[in-house]
Amino acid sequence: MEENKVESIKKDKTTTENLLQETIEKHQAELSAQKEYYTDALSASKKAEALAEARADNEARTELESHLREAEERETMLVQALEELRQTLSRKEQEVILNCINIVNLCLLICLK
């Protein structure tokens, strides 16, 4: 009878060990599947983040390029306006010099009479 008990206990132990091993393997497979799922999700998230950053960088670059073009256009207009002012000033200076010469000549004519 003792032998039967020992055999029964051994059988129960083997059955329990087998069930435990199956349970461990099942949970390891589930954990592996979850790990793969979350790894894939993390990878997709990182790709989406990289794309969003690239898009934001492109938008910022485009905006800066637009501001730069506008600034260059304003600079060109200011340079042209400055050149026109210089030319106008030069003409006015020449007119003043000629007027002064004419006045001096008139004064000399008046003084000589």
N, C-alpha and C. Protein backbone atom coordinates (compact mmCIF):
# COMPACT_ATOMS: atom_id res chain seq x y z
N MET A 1 0.81 -1.20 0.00
CA MET A 1 0.00 0.00 0.00
C MET A 1 0.85 1.26 0.00
N GLU A 2 1.93 1.24 0.75
CA GLU A 2 2.86 2.37 0.75
C GLU A 2 3.40 2.60 -0.64
N GLU A 3 3.66 1.53 -1.34
CA GLU A 3 4.19 1.67 -2.69
C GLU A 3 3.19 2.38 -3.59
N ASN A 4 1.95 2.07 -3.43
CA ASN A 4 0.90 2.72 -4.23
C ASN A 4 0.84 4.22 -3.93
N LYS A 5 0.99 4.54 -2.66
CA LYS A 5 0.97 5.96 -2.28
C LYS A 5 2.16 6.68 -2.91
N VAL A 6 3.31 6.04 -2.81
CA VAL A 6 4.52 6.65 -3.36
C VAL A 6 4.37 6.79 -4.87
N GLU A 7 3.85 5.75 -5.52
CA GLU A 7 3.63 5.82 -6.98
C GLU A 7 2.63 6.91 -7.32
N SER A 8 1.59 7.02 -6.53
CA SER A 8 0.56 8.04 -6.76
C SER A 8 1.15 9.44 -6.58
N ILE A 9 1.96 9.59 -5.54
CA ILE A 9 2.59 10.88 -5.28
C ILE A 9 3.55 11.22 -6.42
N LYS A 10 4.34 10.24 -6.87
CA LYS A 10 5.26 10.46 -7.97
C LYS A 10 4.50 10.85 -9.24
N LYS A 11 3.39 10.15 -9.47
CA LYS A 11 2.57 10.46 -10.65
C LYS A 11 2.00 11.87 -10.56
N ASP A 12 1.50 12.23 -9.37
CA ASP A 12 0.96 13.58 -9.15
C ASP A 12 2.06 14.63 -9.33
N LYS A 13 3.24 14.29 -8.83
CA LYS A 13 4.37 15.21 -8.94
C LYS A 13 4.73 15.41 -10.41
N THR A 14 4.78 14.34 -11.15
CA THR A 14 5.12 14.42 -12.57
C THR A 14 4.06 15.23 -13.32
N THR A 15 2.81 14.95 -13.01
CA THR A 15 1.70 15.68 -13.65
C THR A 15 1.79 17.16 -13.30
N THR A 16 2.07 17.47 -12.06
CA THR A 16 2.18 18.87 -11.62
C THR A 16 3.36 19.54 -12.30
N GLU A 17 4.48 18.85 -12.38
CA GLU A 17 5.65 19.41 -13.04
C GLU A 17 5.38 19.66 -14.51
N ASN A 18 4.69 18.73 -15.16
CA ASN A 18 4.35 18.91 -16.58
C ASN A 18 3.41 20.11 -16.77
N LEU A 19 2.42 20.20 -15.91
CA LEU A 19 1.49 21.35 -15.98
C LEU A 19 2.23 22.66 -15.74
N LEU A 20 3.13 22.64 -14.76
CA LEU A 20 3.91 23.84 -14.46
C LEU A 20 4.78 24.21 -15.66
N GLN A 21 5.42 23.22 -16.28
CA GLN A 21 6.25 23.49 -17.46
C GLN A 21 5.41 24.04 -18.60
N GLU A 22 4.25 23.47 -18.83
CA GLU A 22 3.35 23.96 -19.89
C GLU A 22 2.92 25.39 -19.62
N THR A 23 2.61 25.66 -18.35
CA THR A 23 2.18 27.01 -17.97
C THR A 23 3.33 28.00 -18.18
N ILE A 24 4.54 27.60 -17.78
CA ILE A 24 5.70 28.47 -17.96
C ILE A 24 5.92 28.74 -19.44
N GLU A 25 5.88 27.71 -20.26
CA GLU A 25 6.08 27.88 -21.70
C GLU A 25 5.01 28.75 -22.33
N LYS A 26 3.76 28.53 -21.87
CA LYS A 26 2.65 29.34 -22.38
C LYS A 26 2.86 30.82 -22.05
N HIS A 27 3.23 31.09 -20.81
CA HIS A 27 3.43 32.48 -20.39
C HIS A 27 4.66 33.10 -21.07
N GLN A 28 5.70 32.29 -21.27
CA GLN A 28 6.87 32.80 -21.99
C GLN A 28 6.51 33.16 -23.42
N ALA A 29 5.68 32.34 -24.05
CA ALA A 29 5.24 32.64 -25.41
C ALA A 29 4.41 33.92 -25.43
N GLU A 30 3.52 34.06 -24.45
CA GLU A 30 2.70 35.29 -24.37
C GLU A 30 3.58 36.52 -24.15
N LEU A 31 4.57 36.39 -23.24
CA LEU A 31 5.48 37.51 -22.98
C LEU A 31 6.30 37.84 -24.22
N SER A 32 6.72 36.82 -24.93
CA SER A 32 7.49 37.04 -26.15
C SER A 32 6.63 37.78 -27.19
N ALA A 33 5.38 37.36 -27.33
CA ALA A 33 4.47 38.02 -28.28
C ALA A 33 4.22 39.47 -27.86
N GLN A 34 4.03 39.70 -26.56
CA GLN A 34 3.82 41.07 -26.08
C GLN A 34 5.06 41.92 -26.30
N LYS A 35 6.23 41.34 -26.05
CA LYS A 35 7.48 42.06 -26.26
C LYS A 35 7.62 42.46 -27.73
N GLU A 36 7.32 41.54 -28.63
CA GLU A 36 7.40 41.84 -30.05
C GLU A 36 6.40 42.92 -30.44
N TYR A 37 5.18 42.84 -29.91
CA TYR A 37 4.14 43.83 -30.21
C TYR A 37 4.60 45.22 -29.77
N TYR A 38 5.08 45.34 -28.53
CA TYR A 38 5.47 46.64 -28.01
C TYR A 38 6.77 47.14 -28.65
N THR A 39 7.65 46.23 -29.03
CA THR A 39 8.86 46.64 -29.75
C THR A 39 8.49 47.21 -31.10
N ASP A 40 7.57 46.55 -31.80
CA ASP A 40 7.10 47.05 -33.09
C ASP A 40 6.40 48.40 -32.93
N ALA A 41 5.59 48.52 -31.89
CA ALA A 41 4.88 49.78 -31.64
C ALA A 41 5.87 50.91 -31.34
N LEU A 42 6.90 50.59 -30.56
CA LEU A 42 7.92 51.60 -30.25
C LEU A 42 8.67 52.01 -31.51
N SER A 43 9.00 51.05 -32.34
CA SER A 43 9.69 51.34 -33.60
C SER A 43 8.83 52.23 -34.49
N ALA A 44 7.55 51.89 -34.61
CA ALA A 44 6.63 52.71 -35.42
C ALA A 44 6.52 54.12 -34.85
N SER A 45 6.48 54.21 -33.54
CA SER A 45 6.38 55.52 -32.89
C SER A 45 7.63 56.36 -33.17
N LYS A 46 8.80 55.71 -33.11
CA LYS A 46 10.04 56.44 -33.38
C LYS A 46 10.09 56.90 -34.83
N LYS A 47 9.62 56.06 -35.74
CA LYS A 47 9.59 56.46 -37.16
C LYS A 47 8.65 57.65 -37.35
N ALA A 48 7.48 57.58 -36.70
CA ALA A 48 6.51 58.68 -36.82
C ALA A 48 7.10 59.97 -36.24
N GLU A 49 7.80 59.84 -35.14
CA GLU A 49 8.43 61.02 -34.52
C GLU A 49 9.48 61.60 -35.45
N ALA A 50 10.30 60.73 -36.05
CA ALA A 50 11.33 61.20 -36.97
C ALA A 50 10.70 61.91 -38.17
N LEU A 51 9.62 61.34 -38.70
CA LEU A 51 8.93 61.98 -39.83
C LEU A 51 8.36 63.34 -39.44
N ALA A 52 7.76 63.39 -38.25
CA ALA A 52 7.19 64.66 -37.78
C ALA A 52 8.29 65.71 -37.60
N GLU A 53 9.43 65.30 -37.05
CA GLU A 53 10.54 66.24 -36.89
C GLU A 53 11.06 66.71 -38.24
N ALA A 54 11.17 65.77 -39.18
CA ALA A 54 11.64 66.15 -40.52
C ALA A 54 10.66 67.11 -41.18
N ARG A 55 9.37 66.85 -41.02
CA ARG A 55 8.35 67.74 -41.60
C ARG A 55 8.45 69.12 -40.96
N ALA A 56 8.60 69.15 -39.64
CA ALA A 56 8.70 70.44 -38.94
C ALA A 56 9.96 71.18 -39.37
N ASP A 57 11.06 70.44 -39.52
CA ASP A 57 12.30 71.07 -39.98
C ASP A 57 12.13 71.64 -41.38
N ASN A 58 11.48 70.89 -42.25
CA ASN A 58 11.26 71.36 -43.62
C ASN A 58 10.39 72.61 -43.64
N GLU A 59 9.34 72.60 -42.82
CA GLU A 59 8.47 73.77 -42.76
C GLU A 59 9.24 74.99 -42.23
N ALA A 60 10.04 74.77 -41.20
CA ALA A 60 10.83 75.87 -40.64
C ALA A 60 11.84 76.37 -41.68
N ARG A 61 12.49 75.45 -42.38
CA ARG A 61 13.46 75.84 -43.41
C ARG A 61 12.77 76.64 -44.51
N THR A 62 11.60 76.17 -44.93
CA THR A 62 10.86 76.88 -45.98
C THR A 62 10.49 78.29 -45.53
N GLU A 63 10.04 78.40 -44.29
CA GLU A 63 9.67 79.72 -43.76
C GLU A 63 10.89 80.64 -43.68
N LEU A 64 12.01 80.08 -43.21
CA LEU A 64 13.23 80.90 -43.12
C LEU A 64 13.72 81.32 -44.51
N GLU A 65 13.64 80.41 -45.46
CA GLU A 65 14.04 80.76 -46.82
C GLU A 65 13.15 81.87 -47.38
N SER A 66 11.87 81.80 -47.07
CA SER A 66 10.95 82.85 -47.52
C SER A 66 11.31 84.19 -46.90
N HIS A 67 11.58 84.18 -45.58
CA HIS A 67 11.98 85.43 -44.91
C HIS A 67 13.29 85.95 -45.49
N LEU A 68 14.20 85.05 -45.80
CA LEU A 68 15.48 85.46 -46.37
C LEU A 68 15.28 86.10 -47.74
N ARG A 69 14.44 85.49 -48.57
CA ARG A 69 14.16 86.08 -49.89
C ARG A 69 13.54 87.47 -49.74
N GLU A 70 12.59 87.60 -48.81
CA GLU A 70 11.96 88.90 -48.59
C GLU A 70 13.00 89.93 -48.13
N ALA A 71 13.88 89.51 -47.24
CA ALA A 71 14.92 90.44 -46.75
C ALA A 71 15.86 90.83 -47.89
N GLU A 72 16.21 89.87 -48.74
CA GLU A 72 17.07 90.18 -49.88
C GLU A 72 16.39 91.14 -50.84
N GLU A 73 15.08 90.96 -51.06
CA GLU A 73 14.34 91.88 -51.93
C GLU A 73 14.32 93.28 -51.33
N ARG A 74 14.08 93.36 -50.01
CA ARG A 74 14.09 94.68 -49.35
C ARG A 74 15.48 95.32 -49.44
N GLU A 75 16.52 94.49 -49.27
CA GLU A 75 17.88 95.02 -49.37
C GLU A 75 18.14 95.58 -50.77
N THR A 76 17.71 94.85 -51.78
CA THR A 76 17.90 95.31 -53.17
C THR A 76 17.17 96.63 -53.39
N MET A 77 15.94 96.72 -52.90
CA MET A 77 15.18 97.97 -53.06
C MET A 77 15.87 99.12 -52.32
N LEU A 78 16.39 98.84 -51.12
CA LEU A 78 17.06 99.90 -50.36
C LEU A 78 18.35 100.34 -51.05
N VAL A 79 19.08 99.39 -51.60
CA VAL A 79 20.31 99.74 -52.33
C VAL A 79 19.97 100.62 -53.53
N GLN A 80 18.91 100.27 -54.26
CA GLN A 80 18.49 101.08 -55.41
C GLN A 80 18.07 102.48 -54.98
N ALA A 81 17.30 102.53 -53.89
CA ALA A 81 16.85 103.84 -53.39
C ALA A 81 18.04 104.68 -52.95
N LEU A 82 19.01 104.04 -52.30
CA LEU A 82 20.21 104.76 -51.86
C LEU A 82 20.99 105.29 -53.06
N GLU A 83 21.12 104.50 -54.08
CA GLU A 83 21.84 104.93 -55.29
C GLU A 83 21.11 106.11 -55.95
N GLU A 84 19.78 106.03 -55.99
CA GLU A 84 19.01 107.14 -56.56
C GLU A 84 19.20 108.40 -55.73
N LEU A 85 19.22 108.26 -54.41
CA LEU A 85 19.44 109.42 -53.55
C LEU A 85 20.83 110.01 -53.76
N ARG A 86 21.83 109.15 -53.92
CA ARG A 86 23.19 109.65 -54.18
C ARG A 86 23.24 110.43 -55.49
N GLN A 87 22.59 109.88 -56.50
CA GLN A 87 22.59 110.58 -57.80
C GLN A 87 21.88 111.92 -57.68
N THR A 88 20.75 111.91 -56.98
CA THR A 88 20.00 113.16 -56.79
C THR A 88 20.85 114.17 -56.03
N LEU A 89 21.51 113.72 -54.98
CA LEU A 89 22.37 114.60 -54.18
C LEU A 89 23.51 115.15 -55.04
N SER A 90 24.08 114.29 -55.84
CA SER A 90 25.18 114.74 -56.70
C SER A 90 24.70 115.81 -57.68
N ARG A 91 23.51 115.60 -58.27
CA ARG A 91 22.96 116.62 -59.18
C ARG A 91 22.69 117.92 -58.44
N LYS A 92 22.14 117.81 -57.24
CA LYS A 92 21.83 119.01 -56.45
C LYS A 92 23.12 119.75 -56.08
N GLU A 93 24.16 118.98 -55.72
CA GLU A 93 25.44 119.62 -55.39
C GLU A 93 25.98 120.37 -56.61
N GLN A 94 25.87 119.74 -57.76
CA GLN A 94 26.35 120.40 -58.98
C GLN A 94 25.54 121.65 -59.27
N GLU A 95 24.22 121.57 -59.05
CA GLU A 95 23.37 122.75 -59.26
C GLU A 95 23.76 123.87 -58.30
N VAL A 96 24.02 123.52 -57.05
CA VAL A 96 24.40 124.53 -56.06
C VAL A 96 25.72 125.17 -56.45
N ILE A 97 26.67 124.33 -56.87
CA ILE A 97 27.97 124.87 -57.28
C ILE A 97 27.81 125.81 -58.46
N LEU A 98 27.01 125.40 -59.46
CA LEU A 98 26.78 126.27 -60.61
C LEU A 98 26.10 127.56 -60.20
N ASN A 99 25.12 127.44 -59.31
CA ASN A 99 24.43 128.65 -58.83
C ASN A 99 25.42 129.58 -58.11
N CYS A 100 26.30 128.98 -57.30
CA CYS A 100 27.28 129.81 -56.60
C CYS A 100 28.22 130.51 -57.59
N ILE A 101 28.65 129.75 -58.59
CA ILE A 101 29.51 130.34 -59.61
C ILE A 101 28.79 131.47 -60.32
N ASN A 102 27.52 131.26 -60.65
CA ASN A 102 26.73 132.31 -61.30
C ASN A 102 26.59 133.53 -60.41
N ILE A 103 26.36 133.30 -59.13
CA ILE A 103 26.23 134.42 -58.20
C ILE A 103 27.54 135.18 -58.10
N VAL A 104 28.64 134.43 -58.00
CA VAL A 104 29.95 135.09 -57.92
C VAL A 104 30.20 135.88 -59.20
N ASN A 105 29.88 135.32 -60.32
CA ASN A 105 30.06 136.04 -61.59
C ASN A 105 29.21 137.30 -61.63
N LEU A 106 27.97 137.21 -61.17
CA LEU A 106 27.11 138.39 -61.12
C LEU A 106 27.68 139.46 -60.20
N CYS A 107 28.15 138.99 -59.07
CA CYS A 107 28.75 139.94 -58.11
C CYS A 107 29.95 140.62 -58.73
N LEU A 108 30.76 139.87 -59.45
CA LEU A 108 31.94 140.46 -60.09
C LEU A 108 31.53 141.47 -61.18
N LEU A 109 30.49 141.12 -61.91
CA LEU A 109 30.02 142.04 -62.93
C LEU A 109 29.51 143.33 -62.31
N ILE A 110 28.79 143.16 -61.20
CA ILE A 110 28.24 144.35 -60.54
C ILE A 110 29.38 145.19 -59.98
N CYS A 111 30.33 144.53 -59.40
CA CYS A 111 31.45 145.27 -58.80
C CYS A 111 32.30 145.95 -59.85
N LEU A 112 32.41 145.38 -61.00
CA LEU A 112 33.25 145.95 -62.07
C LEU A 112 32.55 147.11 -62.76
N LYS A 113 31.31 147.29 -62.65
CA LYS A 113 30.61 148.36 -63.35
C LYS A 113 30.78 149.62 -62.67
